[in-house]
Amino acid sequence: MRAEDEHAFTEFAQARVLDLRRTAYRLCGNWDEAHDLTQSALIRLYRHWTRVAQADSPDAYVRRMLVNIFLDQRQTWWARRVRPFPEPPDVPAPAEDVADRLDLMAALARLAPGQRAVIVLRYWEGMDVAETARTLGCSPGTVKSQTSYAITALRRLLPNYVGGRA
């Protein structure tokens, strides 16, 4: 890679790494795994930087890489057999909003990977249906149906959850 391309990649990665890690955490629910997802995405980004730098939206490109890595990892035999669910932290009487957030993250962990990706992209990343479909490489109808299924599952898992608190 040329020196100016390397410099451009370094600037881009340093500016986006925290947002990528936050998105990765929302996808997988584990900071260690989020760090690994982010590193994998940055490695792929480095290998394809000349093409990414010329794209209309490098942010969308790297976000799609991140989501694809997350979904690919969920297809391995290991991920299907070993599903670690972290124990809630042992703290004395957490505040109500902290408890709600822990409940929400636990419910998200129980969703199918594609449904979780749709929820994260739509509601935490603020993407519309078309952007989410482009990021996931599927049709807008698929995004709408997966969103509907995910919300139904979340309502079943969190019957007493009030949306604005967590």
N, C-alpha and C. Protein backbone atom coordinates (compact mmCIF):
# COMPACT_ATOMS: atom_id res chain seq x y z
N MET A 1 0.85 -1.17 0.00
CA MET A 1 0.00 0.00 0.00
C MET A 1 0.90 1.24 0.00
N ARG A 2 0.49 2.22 -0.76
CA ARG A 2 1.26 3.47 -0.82
C ARG A 2 1.16 4.22 0.50
N ALA A 3 2.15 5.07 0.75
CA ALA A 3 2.23 5.79 2.02
C ALA A 3 1.01 6.68 2.25
N GLU A 4 0.54 7.37 1.19
CA GLU A 4 -0.63 8.26 1.39
C GLU A 4 -1.91 7.46 1.63
N ASP A 5 -2.01 6.26 1.01
CA ASP A 5 -3.16 5.40 1.28
C ASP A 5 -3.12 4.87 2.72
N GLU A 6 -1.92 4.51 3.16
CA GLU A 6 -1.75 4.03 4.53
C GLU A 6 -2.13 5.12 5.53
N HIS A 7 -1.72 6.34 5.24
CA HIS A 7 -2.04 7.46 6.12
C HIS A 7 -3.55 7.71 6.14
N ALA A 8 -4.20 7.66 4.97
CA ALA A 8 -5.65 7.87 4.89
C ALA A 8 -6.39 6.77 5.65
N PHE A 9 -5.93 5.52 5.51
CA PHE A 9 -6.55 4.42 6.24
C PHE A 9 -6.42 4.63 7.74
N THR A 10 -5.23 4.99 8.19
CA THR A 10 -4.98 5.20 9.63
C THR A 10 -5.89 6.28 10.18
N GLU A 11 -6.03 7.38 9.48
CA GLU A 11 -6.91 8.46 9.93
C GLU A 11 -8.36 8.00 9.99
N PHE A 12 -8.80 7.30 8.95
CA PHE A 12 -10.18 6.81 8.91
C PHE A 12 -10.43 5.84 10.06
N ALA A 13 -9.52 4.89 10.26
CA ALA A 13 -9.70 3.88 11.31
C ALA A 13 -9.71 4.52 12.70
N GLN A 14 -8.80 5.45 12.94
CA GLN A 14 -8.76 6.09 14.25
C GLN A 14 -10.02 6.91 14.52
N ALA A 15 -10.56 7.51 13.49
CA ALA A 15 -11.77 8.32 13.67
C ALA A 15 -13.02 7.47 13.88
N ARG A 16 -13.03 6.24 13.37
CA ARG A 16 -14.24 5.42 13.39
C ARG A 16 -14.21 4.25 14.36
N VAL A 17 -13.07 3.94 14.95
CA VAL A 17 -12.94 2.71 15.72
C VAL A 17 -13.91 2.66 16.90
N LEU A 18 -14.15 3.74 17.60
CA LEU A 18 -15.06 3.70 18.75
C LEU A 18 -16.50 3.46 18.31
N ASP A 19 -16.92 4.10 17.23
CA ASP A 19 -18.28 3.86 16.71
C ASP A 19 -18.43 2.42 16.23
N LEU A 20 -17.41 1.91 15.56
CA LEU A 20 -17.46 0.52 15.10
C LEU A 20 -17.54 -0.45 16.28
N ARG A 21 -16.76 -0.19 17.31
CA ARG A 21 -16.77 -1.08 18.48
C ARG A 21 -18.13 -1.03 19.17
N ARG A 22 -18.72 0.17 19.24
CA ARG A 22 -20.04 0.30 19.86
C ARG A 22 -21.09 -0.47 19.06
N THR A 23 -21.03 -0.35 17.74
CA THR A 23 -21.97 -1.10 16.89
C THR A 23 -21.74 -2.60 17.05
N ALA A 24 -20.49 -3.02 17.09
CA ALA A 24 -20.18 -4.44 17.26
C ALA A 24 -20.72 -4.95 18.59
N TYR A 25 -20.59 -4.14 19.65
CA TYR A 25 -21.13 -4.55 20.95
C TYR A 25 -22.64 -4.71 20.88
N ARG A 26 -23.29 -3.79 20.21
CA ARG A 26 -24.75 -3.89 20.09
C ARG A 26 -25.15 -5.13 19.31
N LEU A 27 -24.32 -5.54 18.38
CA LEU A 27 -24.61 -6.75 17.61
C LEU A 27 -24.41 -8.02 18.44
N CYS A 28 -23.31 -8.08 19.19
CA CYS A 28 -22.97 -9.34 19.86
C CYS A 28 -23.23 -9.33 21.36
N GLY A 29 -23.29 -8.16 22.00
CA GLY A 29 -23.58 -8.09 23.43
C GLY A 29 -22.43 -8.43 24.34
N ASN A 30 -21.21 -8.44 23.82
CA ASN A 30 -20.04 -8.81 24.61
C ASN A 30 -18.88 -7.93 24.17
N TRP A 31 -18.27 -7.21 25.11
CA TRP A 31 -17.20 -6.26 24.73
C TRP A 31 -15.99 -6.97 24.16
N ASP A 32 -15.64 -8.15 24.67
CA ASP A 32 -14.48 -8.87 24.13
C ASP A 32 -14.73 -9.29 22.69
N GLU A 33 -15.90 -9.83 22.44
CA GLU A 33 -16.25 -10.24 21.09
C GLU A 33 -16.39 -9.02 20.18
N ALA A 34 -16.90 -7.92 20.72
CA ALA A 34 -17.02 -6.69 19.94
C ALA A 34 -15.65 -6.19 19.50
N HIS A 35 -14.68 -6.30 20.41
CA HIS A 35 -13.31 -5.90 20.05
C HIS A 35 -12.78 -6.78 18.92
N ASP A 36 -13.02 -8.09 19.00
CA ASP A 36 -12.58 -9.01 17.95
C ASP A 36 -13.27 -8.71 16.62
N LEU A 37 -14.58 -8.45 16.67
CA LEU A 37 -15.30 -8.10 15.44
C LEU A 37 -14.74 -6.84 14.81
N THR A 38 -14.47 -5.85 15.64
CA THR A 38 -13.93 -4.58 15.14
C THR A 38 -12.56 -4.80 14.51
N GLN A 39 -11.71 -5.58 15.16
CA GLN A 39 -10.38 -5.85 14.61
C GLN A 39 -10.49 -6.59 13.28
N SER A 40 -11.39 -7.56 13.19
CA SER A 40 -11.57 -8.30 11.93
C SER A 40 -12.04 -7.37 10.82
N ALA A 41 -12.96 -6.47 11.16
CA ALA A 41 -13.45 -5.53 10.16
C ALA A 41 -12.34 -4.58 9.71
N LEU A 42 -11.52 -4.12 10.63
CA LEU A 42 -10.43 -3.22 10.26
C LEU A 42 -9.37 -3.94 9.42
N ILE A 43 -9.14 -5.22 9.69
CA ILE A 43 -8.19 -5.98 8.87
C ILE A 43 -8.72 -6.10 7.45
N ARG A 44 -10.01 -6.45 7.31
CA ARG A 44 -10.61 -6.52 5.96
C ARG A 44 -10.60 -5.16 5.29
N LEU A 45 -10.87 -4.14 6.06
CA LEU A 45 -10.87 -2.78 5.51
C LEU A 45 -9.49 -2.43 4.99
N TYR A 46 -8.45 -2.77 5.72
CA TYR A 46 -7.09 -2.48 5.29
C TYR A 46 -6.77 -3.18 3.98
N ARG A 47 -7.17 -4.45 3.88
CA ARG A 47 -6.89 -5.22 2.66
C ARG A 47 -7.59 -4.64 1.44
N HIS A 48 -8.74 -3.99 1.64
CA HIS A 48 -9.53 -3.47 0.52
C HIS A 48 -9.59 -1.95 0.53
N TRP A 49 -8.65 -1.30 1.19
CA TRP A 49 -8.74 0.15 1.40
C TRP A 49 -8.81 0.94 0.09
N THR A 50 -8.06 0.57 -0.93
CA THR A 50 -8.07 1.36 -2.17
C THR A 50 -9.47 1.38 -2.79
N ARG A 51 -10.18 0.27 -2.70
CA ARG A 51 -11.54 0.21 -3.23
C ARG A 51 -12.51 0.96 -2.30
N VAL A 52 -12.34 0.81 -0.99
CA VAL A 52 -13.24 1.45 -0.03
C VAL A 52 -13.09 2.96 -0.08
N ALA A 53 -11.87 3.44 -0.20
CA ALA A 53 -11.62 4.88 -0.22
C ALA A 53 -12.30 5.56 -1.39
N GLN A 54 -12.54 4.83 -2.46
CA GLN A 54 -13.20 5.39 -3.64
C GLN A 54 -14.72 5.23 -3.60
N ALA A 55 -15.23 4.52 -2.60
CA ALA A 55 -16.68 4.30 -2.49
C ALA A 55 -17.39 5.59 -2.11
N ASP A 56 -18.68 5.64 -2.42
CA ASP A 56 -19.49 6.81 -2.07
C ASP A 56 -19.55 7.03 -0.57
N SER A 57 -19.67 5.93 0.18
CA SER A 57 -19.77 6.03 1.63
C SER A 57 -18.89 4.97 2.29
N PRO A 58 -17.65 5.32 2.61
CA PRO A 58 -16.79 4.34 3.29
C PRO A 58 -17.36 3.87 4.62
N ASP A 59 -18.11 4.73 5.32
CA ASP A 59 -18.71 4.32 6.58
C ASP A 59 -19.70 3.18 6.37
N ALA A 60 -20.53 3.30 5.36
CA ALA A 60 -21.50 2.25 5.07
C ALA A 60 -20.79 0.96 4.66
N TYR A 61 -19.71 1.09 3.93
CA TYR A 61 -18.94 -0.06 3.47
C TYR A 61 -18.37 -0.83 4.66
N VAL A 62 -17.74 -0.11 5.59
CA VAL A 62 -17.12 -0.78 6.73
C VAL A 62 -18.20 -1.30 7.69
N ARG A 63 -19.32 -0.62 7.80
CA ARG A 63 -20.41 -1.12 8.64
C ARG A 63 -20.95 -2.43 8.08
N ARG A 64 -21.05 -2.51 6.76
CA ARG A 64 -21.51 -3.76 6.14
C ARG A 64 -20.50 -4.88 6.39
N MET A 65 -19.21 -4.54 6.31
CA MET A 65 -18.19 -5.54 6.63
C MET A 65 -18.39 -6.07 8.05
N LEU A 66 -18.61 -5.17 8.98
CA LEU A 66 -18.79 -5.54 10.38
C LEU A 66 -19.99 -6.46 10.56
N VAL A 67 -21.11 -6.10 9.97
CA VAL A 67 -22.32 -6.92 10.08
C VAL A 67 -22.11 -8.28 9.42
N ASN A 68 -21.46 -8.30 8.26
CA ASN A 68 -21.22 -9.58 7.58
C ASN A 68 -20.31 -10.49 8.41
N ILE A 69 -19.29 -9.91 9.04
CA ILE A 69 -18.42 -10.72 9.90
C ILE A 69 -19.22 -11.28 11.06
N PHE A 70 -20.06 -10.45 11.67
CA PHE A 70 -20.90 -10.91 12.78
C PHE A 70 -21.80 -12.06 12.33
N LEU A 71 -22.48 -11.90 11.21
CA LEU A 71 -23.39 -12.95 10.74
C LEU A 71 -22.63 -14.20 10.32
N ASP A 72 -21.45 -14.03 9.69
CA ASP A 72 -20.64 -15.20 9.31
C ASP A 72 -20.20 -16.00 10.53
N GLN A 73 -19.82 -15.30 11.59
CA GLN A 73 -19.38 -16.01 12.79
C GLN A 73 -20.53 -16.77 13.43
N ARG A 74 -21.75 -16.32 13.26
CA ARG A 74 -22.90 -17.01 13.85
C ARG A 74 -23.28 -18.26 13.05
N GLN A 75 -22.67 -18.45 11.87
CA GLN A 75 -22.98 -19.61 11.04
C GLN A 75 -22.04 -20.78 11.31
N THR A 76 -20.98 -20.57 12.08
CA THR A 76 -20.04 -21.65 12.33
C THR A 76 -20.64 -22.68 13.29
N TRP A 77 -20.13 -23.88 13.24
CA TRP A 77 -20.65 -24.92 14.12
C TRP A 77 -20.40 -24.57 15.58
N TRP A 78 -19.30 -23.90 15.87
CA TRP A 78 -18.97 -23.55 17.26
C TRP A 78 -20.00 -22.56 17.82
N ALA A 79 -20.36 -21.57 17.02
CA ALA A 79 -21.32 -20.57 17.49
C ALA A 79 -22.70 -21.19 17.71
N ARG A 80 -23.04 -22.20 16.92
CA ARG A 80 -24.35 -22.84 17.09
C ARG A 80 -24.36 -23.74 18.32
N ARG A 81 -23.22 -24.33 18.68
CA ARG A 81 -23.17 -25.24 19.83
C ARG A 81 -22.92 -24.50 21.13
N VAL A 82 -22.07 -23.50 21.10
CA VAL A 82 -21.68 -22.80 22.32
C VAL A 82 -22.28 -21.40 22.28
N ARG A 83 -23.28 -21.17 23.08
CA ARG A 83 -23.95 -19.87 23.14
C ARG A 83 -23.79 -19.30 24.54
N PRO A 84 -22.69 -18.61 24.79
CA PRO A 84 -22.51 -18.10 26.15
C PRO A 84 -23.47 -16.95 26.44
N PHE A 85 -24.16 -17.06 27.55
CA PHE A 85 -25.00 -15.98 28.02
C PHE A 85 -24.38 -15.48 29.31
N PRO A 86 -23.85 -14.27 29.29
CA PRO A 86 -23.17 -13.79 30.49
C PRO A 86 -24.14 -13.66 31.65
N GLU A 87 -23.61 -13.94 32.82
CA GLU A 87 -24.40 -13.76 34.03
C GLU A 87 -24.55 -12.27 34.29
N PRO A 88 -25.70 -11.85 34.77
CA PRO A 88 -25.83 -10.43 35.11
C PRO A 88 -24.86 -10.08 36.22
N PRO A 89 -24.35 -8.87 36.19
CA PRO A 89 -23.40 -8.50 37.24
C PRO A 89 -24.04 -8.59 38.62
N ASP A 90 -23.26 -8.98 39.59
CA ASP A 90 -23.74 -9.14 40.95
C ASP A 90 -23.58 -7.80 41.68
N VAL A 91 -24.60 -6.97 41.55
CA VAL A 91 -24.57 -5.65 42.18
C VAL A 91 -25.78 -5.50 43.07
N PRO A 92 -25.66 -4.74 44.13
CA PRO A 92 -26.80 -4.56 45.02
C PRO A 92 -27.83 -3.62 44.39
N ALA A 93 -29.02 -4.11 44.20
CA ALA A 93 -30.18 -3.34 43.73
C ALA A 93 -29.83 -2.28 42.69
N PRO A 94 -29.64 -2.69 41.43
CA PRO A 94 -29.30 -1.70 40.42
C PRO A 94 -30.45 -0.72 40.19
N ALA A 95 -30.10 0.44 39.72
CA ALA A 95 -31.12 1.43 39.40
C ALA A 95 -32.05 0.85 38.35
N GLU A 96 -33.27 1.37 38.30
CA GLU A 96 -34.28 0.81 37.41
C GLU A 96 -33.85 0.85 35.94
N ASP A 97 -33.23 1.96 35.51
CA ASP A 97 -32.83 2.05 34.10
C ASP A 97 -31.70 1.08 33.79
N VAL A 98 -30.80 0.80 34.75
CA VAL A 98 -29.74 -0.16 34.53
C VAL A 98 -30.33 -1.56 34.42
N ALA A 99 -31.28 -1.88 35.27
CA ALA A 99 -31.93 -3.19 35.22
C ALA A 99 -32.67 -3.37 33.89
N ASP A 100 -33.36 -2.32 33.44
CA ASP A 100 -34.06 -2.39 32.16
C ASP A 100 -33.08 -2.61 31.01
N ARG A 101 -31.93 -1.93 31.05
CA ARG A 101 -30.94 -2.08 29.99
C ARG A 101 -30.36 -3.49 29.98
N LEU A 102 -30.09 -4.05 31.17
CA LEU A 102 -29.60 -5.42 31.25
C LEU A 102 -30.63 -6.40 30.70
N ASP A 103 -31.90 -6.17 31.03
CA ASP A 103 -32.97 -7.03 30.51
C ASP A 103 -33.05 -6.93 28.99
N LEU A 104 -32.94 -5.71 28.46
CA LEU A 104 -32.99 -5.51 27.02
C LEU A 104 -31.82 -6.20 26.33
N MET A 105 -30.61 -6.07 26.86
CA MET A 105 -29.45 -6.71 26.25
C MET A 105 -29.57 -8.24 26.30
N ALA A 106 -30.10 -8.77 27.40
CA ALA A 106 -30.30 -10.22 27.50
C ALA A 106 -31.34 -10.69 26.48
N ALA A 107 -32.40 -9.91 26.28
CA ALA A 107 -33.43 -10.27 25.30
C ALA A 107 -32.86 -10.19 23.89
N LEU A 108 -32.06 -9.17 23.60
CA LEU A 108 -31.43 -9.06 22.28
C LEU A 108 -30.52 -10.26 22.00
N ALA A 109 -29.84 -10.74 23.03
CA ALA A 109 -28.94 -11.89 22.87
C ALA A 109 -29.71 -13.15 22.48
N ARG A 110 -30.98 -13.19 22.79
CA ARG A 110 -31.79 -14.38 22.48
C ARG A 110 -32.40 -14.33 21.08
N LEU A 111 -32.29 -13.19 20.40
CA LEU A 111 -32.81 -13.08 19.04
C LEU A 111 -31.88 -13.80 18.06
N ALA A 112 -32.44 -14.18 16.92
CA ALA A 112 -31.61 -14.73 15.84
C ALA A 112 -30.64 -13.64 15.38
N PRO A 113 -29.46 -14.02 14.92
CA PRO A 113 -28.46 -13.01 14.53
C PRO A 113 -28.96 -11.99 13.50
N GLY A 114 -29.71 -12.44 12.50
CA GLY A 114 -30.23 -11.52 11.50
C GLY A 114 -31.23 -10.54 12.08
N GLN A 115 -32.08 -11.03 12.98
CA GLN A 115 -33.05 -10.14 13.63
C GLN A 115 -32.34 -9.13 14.52
N ARG A 116 -31.33 -9.58 15.23
CA ARG A 116 -30.58 -8.67 16.08
C ARG A 116 -29.88 -7.60 15.24
N ALA A 117 -29.30 -8.01 14.11
CA ALA A 117 -28.64 -7.04 13.23
C ALA A 117 -29.63 -6.00 12.72
N VAL A 118 -30.83 -6.42 12.36
CA VAL A 118 -31.85 -5.48 11.88
C VAL A 118 -32.23 -4.49 12.98
N ILE A 119 -32.45 -4.99 14.19
CA ILE A 119 -32.82 -4.10 15.30
C ILE A 119 -31.70 -3.10 15.60
N VAL A 120 -30.48 -3.57 15.65
CA VAL A 120 -29.35 -2.68 15.93
C VAL A 120 -29.23 -1.61 14.85
N LEU A 121 -29.27 -2.03 13.60
CA LEU A 121 -29.10 -1.06 12.51
C LEU A 121 -30.27 -0.08 12.44
N ARG A 122 -31.47 -0.57 12.60
CA ARG A 122 -32.64 0.30 12.47
C ARG A 122 -32.79 1.26 13.64
N TYR A 123 -32.69 0.76 14.87
CA TYR A 123 -33.06 1.56 16.03
C TYR A 123 -31.89 2.15 16.79
N TRP A 124 -30.70 1.54 16.73
CA TRP A 124 -29.56 2.14 17.41
C TRP A 124 -28.71 2.95 16.44
N GLU A 125 -28.55 2.46 15.23
CA GLU A 125 -27.76 3.18 14.24
C GLU A 125 -28.61 4.21 13.49
N GLY A 126 -29.92 4.13 13.63
CA GLY A 126 -30.82 5.12 13.03
C GLY A 126 -30.96 5.02 11.53
N MET A 127 -30.77 3.84 10.98
CA MET A 127 -30.89 3.66 9.53
C MET A 127 -32.35 3.46 9.15
N ASP A 128 -32.68 3.89 7.95
CA ASP A 128 -34.02 3.59 7.45
C ASP A 128 -34.02 2.20 6.82
N VAL A 129 -35.17 1.78 6.31
CA VAL A 129 -35.31 0.43 5.77
C VAL A 129 -34.38 0.21 4.59
N ALA A 130 -34.28 1.18 3.69
CA ALA A 130 -33.44 1.02 2.50
C ALA A 130 -31.96 0.92 2.86
N GLU A 131 -31.50 1.75 3.78
CA GLU A 131 -30.09 1.69 4.21
C GLU A 131 -29.79 0.36 4.88
N THR A 132 -30.70 -0.10 5.72
CA THR A 132 -30.51 -1.37 6.40
C THR A 132 -30.46 -2.51 5.39
N ALA A 133 -31.33 -2.47 4.40
CA ALA A 133 -31.34 -3.50 3.36
C ALA A 133 -30.03 -3.51 2.59
N ARG A 134 -29.51 -2.33 2.24
CA ARG A 134 -28.23 -2.27 1.54
C ARG A 134 -27.10 -2.81 2.42
N THR A 135 -27.11 -2.47 3.69
CA THR A 135 -26.06 -2.93 4.59
C THR A 135 -26.08 -4.44 4.75
N LEU A 136 -27.27 -5.01 4.86
CA LEU A 136 -27.40 -6.45 5.05
C LEU A 136 -27.40 -7.23 3.74
N GLY A 137 -27.53 -6.52 2.61
CA GLY A 137 -27.55 -7.20 1.32
C GLY A 137 -28.82 -7.99 1.09
N CYS A 138 -29.94 -7.44 1.52
CA CYS A 138 -31.22 -8.12 1.34
C CYS A 138 -32.25 -7.11 0.85
N SER A 139 -33.46 -7.55 0.65
CA SER A 139 -34.52 -6.67 0.15
C SER A 139 -35.14 -5.87 1.30
N PRO A 140 -35.75 -4.72 0.99
CA PRO A 140 -36.46 -3.97 2.03
C PRO A 140 -37.58 -4.78 2.69
N GLY A 141 -38.22 -5.64 1.93
CA GLY A 141 -39.27 -6.48 2.50
C GLY A 141 -38.73 -7.42 3.57
N THR A 142 -37.53 -7.95 3.34
CA THR A 142 -36.90 -8.81 4.33
C THR A 142 -36.59 -8.03 5.60
N VAL A 143 -36.11 -6.80 5.45
CA VAL A 143 -35.82 -5.96 6.61
C VAL A 143 -37.11 -5.73 7.40
N LYS A 144 -38.19 -5.41 6.70
CA LYS A 144 -39.46 -5.15 7.38
C LYS A 144 -39.96 -6.39 8.12
N SER A 145 -39.89 -7.55 7.47
CA SER A 145 -40.39 -8.76 8.12
C SER A 145 -39.51 -9.16 9.30
N GLN A 146 -38.18 -9.07 9.14
CA GLN A 146 -37.28 -9.40 10.24
C GLN A 146 -37.46 -8.44 11.42
N THR A 147 -37.71 -7.17 11.10
CA THR A 147 -37.97 -6.19 12.16
C THR A 147 -39.24 -6.55 12.90
N SER A 148 -40.28 -6.92 12.17
CA SER A 148 -41.54 -7.30 12.78
C SER A 148 -41.38 -8.53 13.67
N TYR A 149 -40.68 -9.56 13.16
CA TYR A 149 -40.46 -10.77 13.95
C TYR A 149 -39.64 -10.46 15.21
N ALA A 150 -38.61 -9.61 15.05
CA ALA A 150 -37.75 -9.28 16.19
C ALA A 150 -38.51 -8.50 17.25
N ILE A 151 -39.33 -7.56 16.84
CA ILE A 151 -40.11 -6.77 17.80
C ILE A 151 -41.13 -7.66 18.52
N THR A 152 -41.74 -8.58 17.78
CA THR A 152 -42.68 -9.52 18.40
C THR A 152 -41.95 -10.37 19.44
N ALA A 153 -40.77 -10.85 19.09
CA ALA A 153 -40.00 -11.66 20.04
C ALA A 153 -39.60 -10.84 21.26
N LEU A 154 -39.17 -9.60 21.05
CA LEU A 154 -38.79 -8.74 22.18
C LEU A 154 -39.99 -8.45 23.08
N ARG A 155 -41.17 -8.25 22.49
CA ARG A 155 -42.37 -8.03 23.31
C ARG A 155 -42.70 -9.27 24.12
N ARG A 156 -42.48 -10.45 23.55
CA ARG A 156 -42.73 -11.68 24.28
C ARG A 156 -41.71 -11.86 25.40
N LEU A 157 -40.44 -11.52 25.13
CA LEU A 157 -39.38 -11.69 26.12
C LEU A 157 -39.42 -10.61 27.21
N LEU A 158 -39.93 -9.43 26.86
CA LEU A 158 -39.97 -8.30 27.80
C LEU A 158 -41.39 -7.74 27.90
N PRO A 159 -42.32 -8.48 28.48
CA PRO A 159 -43.71 -8.03 28.48
C PRO A 159 -43.94 -6.73 29.26
N ASN A 160 -43.12 -6.42 30.25
CA ASN A 160 -43.34 -5.23 31.06
C ASN A 160 -42.38 -4.11 30.74
N TYR A 161 -41.65 -4.22 29.63
CA TYR A 161 -40.66 -3.22 29.27
C TYR A 161 -41.35 -1.95 28.76
N VAL A 162 -40.89 -0.81 29.25
CA VAL A 162 -41.41 0.48 28.78
C VAL A 162 -40.30 1.12 27.96
N GLY A 163 -40.57 1.39 26.68
CA GLY A 163 -39.56 1.78 25.70
C GLY A 163 -38.67 2.95 26.00
N GLY A 164 -39.10 4.01 26.58
CA GLY A 164 -38.28 5.20 26.70
C GLY A 164 -37.31 5.20 27.86
N ARG A 165 -37.39 4.21 28.75
CA ARG A 165 -36.58 4.25 29.97
C ARG A 165 -35.16 3.76 29.78
N ALA A 166 -34.92 2.77 28.95
CA ALA A 166 -33.57 2.19 28.89
C ALA A 166 -32.79 2.66 27.71
